[in-house]
Protein backbone atom coordinates (compact mmCIF):
# COMPACT_ATOMS: atom_id res chain seq x y z
CA MET A 1 40.86 -34.38 69.66
CA ARG A 2 38.83 -37.59 69.69
CA ILE A 3 36.85 -36.35 72.71
CA ARG A 4 36.06 -33.11 70.88
CA SER A 5 34.92 -35.05 67.82
CA VAL A 6 32.63 -37.17 69.93
CA GLN A 7 31.28 -34.06 71.64
CA SER A 8 30.67 -32.36 68.29
CA ALA A 9 28.89 -35.41 66.92
CA PHE A 10 26.79 -35.69 70.06
CA GLY A 11 25.90 -32.00 69.81
CA ALA A 12 24.84 -32.42 66.19
CA ILE A 13 22.69 -35.43 67.05
CA THR A 14 21.10 -33.54 69.92
CA LEU A 15 20.33 -30.59 67.64
CA ILE A 16 18.75 -32.86 65.01
CA ALA A 17 16.67 -34.58 67.66
CA ALA A 18 15.49 -31.22 68.99
CA CYS A 19 14.51 -30.09 65.47
CA VAL A 20 12.54 -33.29 64.88
CA ALA A 21 10.79 -32.90 68.23
CA ASN A 22 9.92 -29.29 67.44
CA ALA A 23 8.53 -30.30 64.06
CA GLN A 24 6.33 -32.95 65.66
CA THR A 25 4.75 -30.42 68.03
CA TYR A 26 4.79 -27.54 65.52
CA PRO A 27 2.94 -25.23 65.46
CA THR A 28 2.18 -24.18 69.00
CA LYS A 29 1.18 -20.60 68.21
CA PRO A 30 -0.24 -18.54 65.32
CA ILE A 31 1.73 -18.29 62.06
CA ARG A 32 2.19 -15.02 60.19
CA PHE A 33 1.76 -15.21 56.41
CA ILE A 34 3.20 -12.03 54.89
CA VAL A 35 1.82 -10.80 51.55
CA GLY A 36 3.54 -7.93 49.78
CA PHE A 37 0.44 -6.61 48.06
CA ALA A 38 -2.89 -5.07 49.01
CA PRO A 39 -5.92 -7.16 49.99
CA GLY A 40 -8.15 -8.34 47.15
CA GLY A 41 -5.50 -8.99 44.51
CA ALA A 42 -4.60 -12.38 43.06
CA THR A 43 -1.65 -12.94 45.41
CA ASP A 44 -3.70 -12.03 48.47
CA ILE A 45 -6.63 -14.23 47.42
CA ILE A 46 -4.42 -17.30 47.00
CA ALA A 47 -2.64 -16.61 50.29
CA ARG A 48 -5.91 -16.34 52.22
CA ALA A 49 -7.27 -19.55 50.74
CA LEU A 50 -4.11 -21.42 51.73
CA ALA A 51 -4.01 -19.75 55.14
CA GLN A 52 -7.44 -21.17 55.90
CA LYS A 53 -6.34 -24.66 54.84
CA LEU A 54 -3.28 -24.44 57.09
CA SER A 55 -5.36 -23.13 60.01
CA ASP A 56 -7.71 -26.10 59.67
CA ALA A 57 -4.83 -28.57 59.45
CA PHE A 58 -2.72 -27.15 62.27
CA GLY A 59 -5.41 -26.06 64.69
CA GLN A 60 -3.59 -22.74 64.90
CA GLN A 61 -4.49 -19.44 63.29
CA VAL A 62 -2.54 -18.48 60.17
CA VAL A 63 -2.77 -14.70 59.93
CA VAL A 64 -2.35 -12.97 56.56
CA ASP A 65 -0.31 -9.79 57.03
CA ASN A 66 -0.54 -7.44 54.02
CA ARG A 67 2.55 -5.22 53.70
CA ALA A 68 2.13 -3.55 50.34
CA GLY A 69 4.73 -1.30 48.74
CA GLY A 70 7.99 -1.30 46.87
CA GLY A 71 6.97 -4.01 44.43
CA GLY A 72 6.80 -6.47 47.29
CA THR A 73 10.26 -5.58 48.66
CA ILE A 74 8.92 -4.29 51.99
CA ALA A 75 7.23 -7.59 52.75
CA ALA A 76 10.16 -9.66 51.51
CA LEU A 77 12.64 -7.78 53.70
CA MET A 78 10.36 -8.19 56.71
CA ALA A 79 10.15 -11.92 56.12
CA ALA A 80 13.89 -12.24 55.52
CA LYS A 81 14.63 -10.63 58.89
CA SER A 82 12.13 -12.78 60.81
CA PRO A 83 13.28 -15.65 63.07
CA PRO A 84 13.70 -18.93 61.14
CA ASP A 85 11.35 -20.83 63.41
CA GLY A 86 8.48 -21.69 61.08
CA TYR A 87 6.18 -18.96 62.35
CA THR A 88 6.73 -16.59 59.42
CA MET A 89 5.95 -17.37 55.80
CA LEU A 90 6.11 -15.13 52.73
CA MET A 91 3.87 -15.41 49.69
CA GLY A 92 6.58 -14.61 47.19
CA THR A 93 5.95 -13.70 43.57
CA ILE A 94 7.80 -13.55 40.29
CA SER A 95 8.75 -9.99 41.20
CA THR A 96 9.85 -10.45 44.83
CA LEU A 97 11.76 -13.67 44.21
CA ALA A 98 13.04 -13.22 40.65
CA THR A 99 12.68 -10.05 38.58
CA ASN A 100 13.39 -7.57 41.39
CA VAL A 101 16.95 -8.90 41.46
CA SER A 102 17.54 -7.24 38.09
CA THR A 103 15.15 -4.30 38.12
CA TYR A 104 16.20 -2.84 41.51
CA LYS A 105 19.68 -1.36 41.92
CA ASN A 106 19.95 -2.05 45.65
CA LEU A 107 17.60 -4.86 46.55
CA PRO A 108 17.70 -5.12 50.36
CA TYR A 109 17.45 -8.93 50.42
CA ASP A 110 18.74 -11.92 48.46
CA PRO A 111 15.99 -14.32 47.29
CA LEU A 112 18.40 -17.25 47.19
CA LYS A 113 20.35 -16.65 50.41
CA ASP A 114 17.67 -15.17 52.67
CA PHE A 115 14.87 -17.67 52.06
CA ALA A 116 14.22 -21.39 52.09
CA PRO A 117 11.78 -22.43 49.33
CA VAL A 118 8.68 -24.41 50.28
CA THR A 119 6.58 -24.76 47.12
CA LEU A 120 5.26 -23.03 44.02
CA ALA A 121 1.66 -22.11 44.79
CA ALA A 122 0.24 -21.04 41.44
CA ALA A 123 1.18 -19.95 37.94
CA THR A 124 -0.95 -17.68 35.78
CA PRO A 125 -0.18 -17.16 32.09
CA TYR A 126 -0.82 -13.93 30.23
CA PHE A 127 -2.97 -13.51 27.17
CA VAL A 128 -1.50 -11.78 24.14
CA THR A 129 -4.48 -9.46 23.74
CA VAL A 130 -5.10 -7.23 20.74
CA ASN A 131 -7.67 -4.78 19.47
CA ALA A 132 -10.60 -6.30 17.58
CA ASN A 133 -9.33 -4.76 14.31
CA MET A 134 -5.95 -6.49 14.54
CA PRO A 135 -5.07 -9.87 12.96
CA SER A 136 -6.72 -12.98 14.39
CA THR A 137 -3.62 -15.15 14.75
CA LEU A 138 -0.28 -14.51 16.41
CA LYS A 139 1.64 -15.39 13.24
CA GLU A 140 -0.31 -12.75 11.33
CA PHE A 141 0.29 -10.22 14.11
CA ILE A 142 4.03 -10.89 14.02
CA ALA A 143 4.04 -10.45 10.24
CA LEU A 144 2.23 -7.12 10.61
CA ALA A 145 4.67 -5.94 13.27
CA LYS A 146 7.61 -6.81 11.04
CA ALA A 147 6.01 -4.89 8.17
CA LYS A 148 5.49 -1.85 10.42
CA PRO A 149 8.50 -1.69 12.76
CA GLY A 150 8.00 0.64 15.73
CA GLN A 151 4.43 1.49 14.74
CA ILE A 152 2.64 -0.96 17.07
CA ASN A 153 2.32 -0.05 20.76
CA PHE A 154 1.74 -2.38 23.66
CA GLY A 155 0.71 -1.45 27.19
CA THR A 156 1.27 -3.10 30.57
CA SER A 157 0.99 -2.13 34.19
CA GLY A 158 4.12 -0.11 34.97
CA ALA A 159 7.67 -0.88 33.88
CA GLY A 160 9.61 -3.95 34.93
CA GLY A 161 6.62 -6.03 36.04
CA GLY A 162 5.85 -9.55 34.92
CA ALA A 163 3.60 -8.52 32.04
CA HIS A 164 6.11 -5.98 30.73
CA LEU A 165 9.01 -8.43 30.86
CA SER A 166 6.89 -11.14 29.24
CA ALA A 167 6.12 -8.78 26.37
CA GLU A 168 9.79 -7.80 26.04
CA LEU A 169 10.76 -11.46 25.88
CA PHE A 170 8.15 -11.96 23.16
CA ARG A 171 9.41 -8.92 21.25
CA SER A 172 12.96 -10.24 21.34
CA MET A 173 12.18 -13.85 20.44
CA ALA A 174 9.73 -12.86 17.67
CA GLY A 175 12.24 -10.41 16.20
CA ILE A 176 9.84 -7.47 16.08
CA GLU A 177 9.99 -3.79 17.05
CA ILE A 178 7.06 -2.71 19.21
CA THR A 179 6.87 0.19 21.67
CA HIS A 180 6.03 -0.12 25.37
CA ILE A 181 3.52 2.27 26.95
CA PRO A 182 3.42 1.99 30.78
CA TYR A 183 0.08 2.25 32.60
CA LYS A 184 -0.89 2.53 36.26
CA GLY A 185 -2.87 -0.69 36.03
CA ALA A 186 -3.50 -3.63 33.70
CA ALA A 187 -7.20 -2.77 33.39
CA LEU A 188 -6.30 0.71 32.12
CA ALA A 189 -4.03 -0.76 29.46
CA LEU A 190 -6.76 -3.14 28.35
CA THR A 191 -9.23 -0.26 28.14
CA ASP A 192 -6.93 1.47 25.66
CA VAL A 193 -6.54 -1.73 23.66
CA ILE A 194 -10.32 -1.85 23.38
CA GLY A 195 -10.43 1.82 22.39
CA GLY A 196 -7.62 1.46 19.84
CA GLN A 197 -5.20 3.87 21.54
CA ILE A 198 -2.72 0.98 21.72
CA GLN A 199 -2.78 -2.24 19.77
CA MET A 200 -1.69 -4.93 22.23
CA SER A 201 -1.29 -5.86 25.88
CA PHE A 202 -0.18 -8.85 27.90
CA THR A 203 -3.10 -9.38 30.27
CA GLN A 204 -3.97 -11.91 32.95
CA PRO A 205 -7.06 -14.09 32.35
CA LEU A 206 -9.10 -12.67 35.23
CA ILE A 207 -9.00 -9.23 33.61
CA VAL A 208 -9.39 -10.12 29.96
CA LEU A 209 -11.81 -13.08 29.94
CA PRO A 210 -14.96 -10.98 30.53
CA GLN A 211 -13.92 -8.65 27.68
CA LEU A 212 -13.35 -11.50 25.24
CA LYS A 213 -17.03 -12.35 25.43
CA THR A 214 -17.92 -8.88 24.14
CA GLY A 215 -15.81 -9.25 21.02
CA ARG A 216 -14.08 -5.91 21.63
CA VAL A 217 -10.68 -7.59 22.04
CA LYS A 218 -9.09 -10.81 20.83
CA ALA A 219 -6.73 -13.18 22.62
CA LEU A 220 -4.23 -14.52 20.11
CA ALA A 221 -2.27 -16.85 22.39
CA ILE A 222 -1.43 -17.77 25.95
CA THR A 223 2.10 -17.40 27.30
CA SER A 224 2.54 -20.65 29.28
CA ALA A 225 4.75 -23.45 27.93
CA LYS A 226 1.74 -25.74 27.61
CA ARG A 227 -1.91 -25.01 27.05
CA SER A 228 -3.61 -24.10 30.30
CA THR A 229 -5.61 -26.89 31.92
CA ALA A 230 -8.11 -24.20 32.87
CA LEU A 231 -8.24 -22.65 29.37
CA PRO A 232 -7.28 -25.40 26.91
CA ASP A 233 -8.82 -23.80 23.80
CA PHE A 234 -6.18 -21.07 23.56
CA PRO A 235 -2.92 -21.90 21.73
CA THR A 236 0.43 -21.10 23.28
CA VAL A 237 2.82 -18.47 21.97
CA ALA A 238 5.33 -21.27 21.36
CA GLU A 239 2.99 -23.17 19.06
CA SER A 240 1.89 -19.95 17.34
CA GLY A 241 5.17 -18.92 15.78
CA VAL A 242 7.66 -18.34 18.61
CA PRO A 243 9.18 -21.74 19.51
CA GLY A 244 10.58 -22.02 23.04
CA TYR A 245 8.67 -19.05 24.41
CA GLU A 246 7.28 -19.42 27.94
CA SER A 247 6.24 -16.96 30.63
CA SER A 248 3.84 -16.89 33.56
CA SER A 249 3.15 -14.77 36.57
CA TRP A 250 3.58 -16.93 39.66
CA GLN A 251 3.35 -17.06 43.43
CA GLY A 252 5.23 -19.33 45.79
CA ILE A 253 5.79 -19.80 49.50
CA VAL A 254 9.16 -19.30 51.15
CA VAL A 255 10.30 -19.08 54.77
CA PRO A 256 13.36 -17.42 56.34
CA ALA A 257 16.64 -19.20 55.60
CA GLY A 258 17.61 -21.51 58.42
CA THR A 259 14.11 -22.73 59.14
CA PRO A 260 14.46 -26.39 60.23
CA PRO A 261 14.02 -28.77 57.26
CA ALA A 262 11.49 -30.85 59.22
CA ILE A 263 9.26 -27.79 59.62
CA VAL A 264 9.68 -26.89 55.94
CA ALA A 265 8.61 -30.45 55.11
CA ARG A 266 5.57 -30.16 57.36
CA LEU A 267 4.52 -26.87 55.78
CA HIS A 268 5.09 -28.29 52.31
CA ALA A 269 2.93 -31.33 52.97
CA GLU A 270 -0.02 -29.28 54.21
CA LEU A 271 0.30 -26.64 51.50
CA VAL A 272 0.25 -29.29 48.79
CA LYS A 273 -2.87 -30.80 50.34
CA GLY A 274 -4.46 -27.36 50.24
CA LEU A 275 -3.49 -26.81 46.61
CA ARG A 276 -4.97 -30.19 45.70
CA ALA A 277 -8.26 -29.42 47.46
CA LYS A 278 -11.26 -29.25 45.13
CA ASP A 279 -12.43 -25.80 46.25
CA ILE A 280 -9.04 -24.16 45.72
CA GLY A 281 -8.59 -25.95 42.39
CA GLU A 282 -11.95 -24.69 41.16
CA ARG A 283 -11.21 -21.15 42.34
CA LEU A 284 -7.85 -21.09 40.56
CA ALA A 285 -9.32 -22.59 37.38
CA ALA A 286 -11.97 -19.88 37.27
CA GLU A 287 -9.14 -17.34 37.19
CA GLY A 288 -7.18 -19.17 34.51
CA THR A 289 -4.54 -20.22 37.02
CA ASP A 290 -2.83 -23.59 37.38
CA PRO A 291 -2.01 -24.82 40.91
CA GLY A 292 1.57 -25.56 41.93
CA GLY A 293 2.76 -28.03 44.55
CA ASN A 294 6.33 -28.91 43.55
CA SER A 295 9.00 -29.89 46.07
CA PRO A 296 11.18 -27.37 47.95
CA ALA A 297 14.19 -28.43 45.85
CA GLU A 298 12.25 -28.07 42.61
CA PHE A 299 10.92 -24.67 43.61
CA GLY A 300 14.40 -23.50 44.58
CA ALA A 301 15.76 -24.57 41.18
CA TYR A 302 12.84 -22.82 39.47
CA ILE A 303 13.60 -19.55 41.28
CA LYS A 304 17.24 -19.73 40.15
CA ARG A 305 16.18 -20.27 36.53
CA GLU A 306 13.71 -17.40 36.67
CA ILE A 307 16.30 -15.00 38.10
CA ALA A 308 18.74 -15.81 35.28
CA LYS A 309 16.06 -15.75 32.58
CA TRP A 310 14.66 -12.37 33.46
CA ALA A 311 18.07 -10.82 34.15
CA LYS A 312 18.88 -11.28 30.47
CA VAL A 313 15.54 -9.79 29.39
CA VAL A 314 16.01 -6.79 31.69
CA LYS A 315 19.56 -6.19 30.42
CA ASP A 316 18.66 -6.53 26.75
CA ALA A 317 15.65 -4.19 27.11
CA GLY A 318 17.50 -1.68 29.33
CA ILE A 319 14.75 -1.75 31.97
CA LYS A 320 15.34 -0.01 35.30
CA THR A 321 13.02 0.45 38.29
CA GLU A 322 13.85 3.27 40.68
């Protein structure tokens, strides 16, 4: 028995040493960075900026592989089934790593079991956007909604997405009755807010900021827990009458479960350097987005909290995605 114990200990030490050696030479070939959405969107733009930083740091090409479809599930499943060797990364999102758990009946992967977290990349709040003829403060809007239950409509891109769930959380916490109208895109919903067909939308800064300058819509509040460092003049929902409210759309990097911790640490270190780079910081700020850069453990805990948080919202609102 003692011989076996010594052999097992020696085997474990050998394995650890091999992992450390691999991490020191890693990477020795191109890395695939899977993105579950089409080129040109916010998730793709962030992924490509970070891919370039990693390529420069590693001296190896980091190839962005767009696999759009299924709300990001196609890409997530592909990443989950990839070898845990550090040569596949996934740019996860609030949907692929959190809300899909509740909105899909048979999700083909488990965000907690199938992936190892690396870091949160970015978080983008939504604007509570209303038609120009609506009240100018969130407190006044809430009062109007309470006076006219069920008569105010809000629009978001599809059903079960981050904007929709953020609005449902707001509806619940504010104690108001408003009606959801699904659209094929956030820009289409905002167009109808401008035209007065609906009264409100939850819209990302990149889409709504140009329209705010025209005066055709108003942004009553921002959904992050704290005022955005990129957009500090806008009050939060929490400080505007709904204490404790917080919601953001976010992206974060994960790798297949079982990827050696030393390689995860190497990726984390270089990704954080990239997120702290001036050019990426300026690009994110221009889009109203705050950079991430937390630790793998912190990101893993954040994913768990987000899964639980949005599961309750989905259940209470009766949301289902087929």
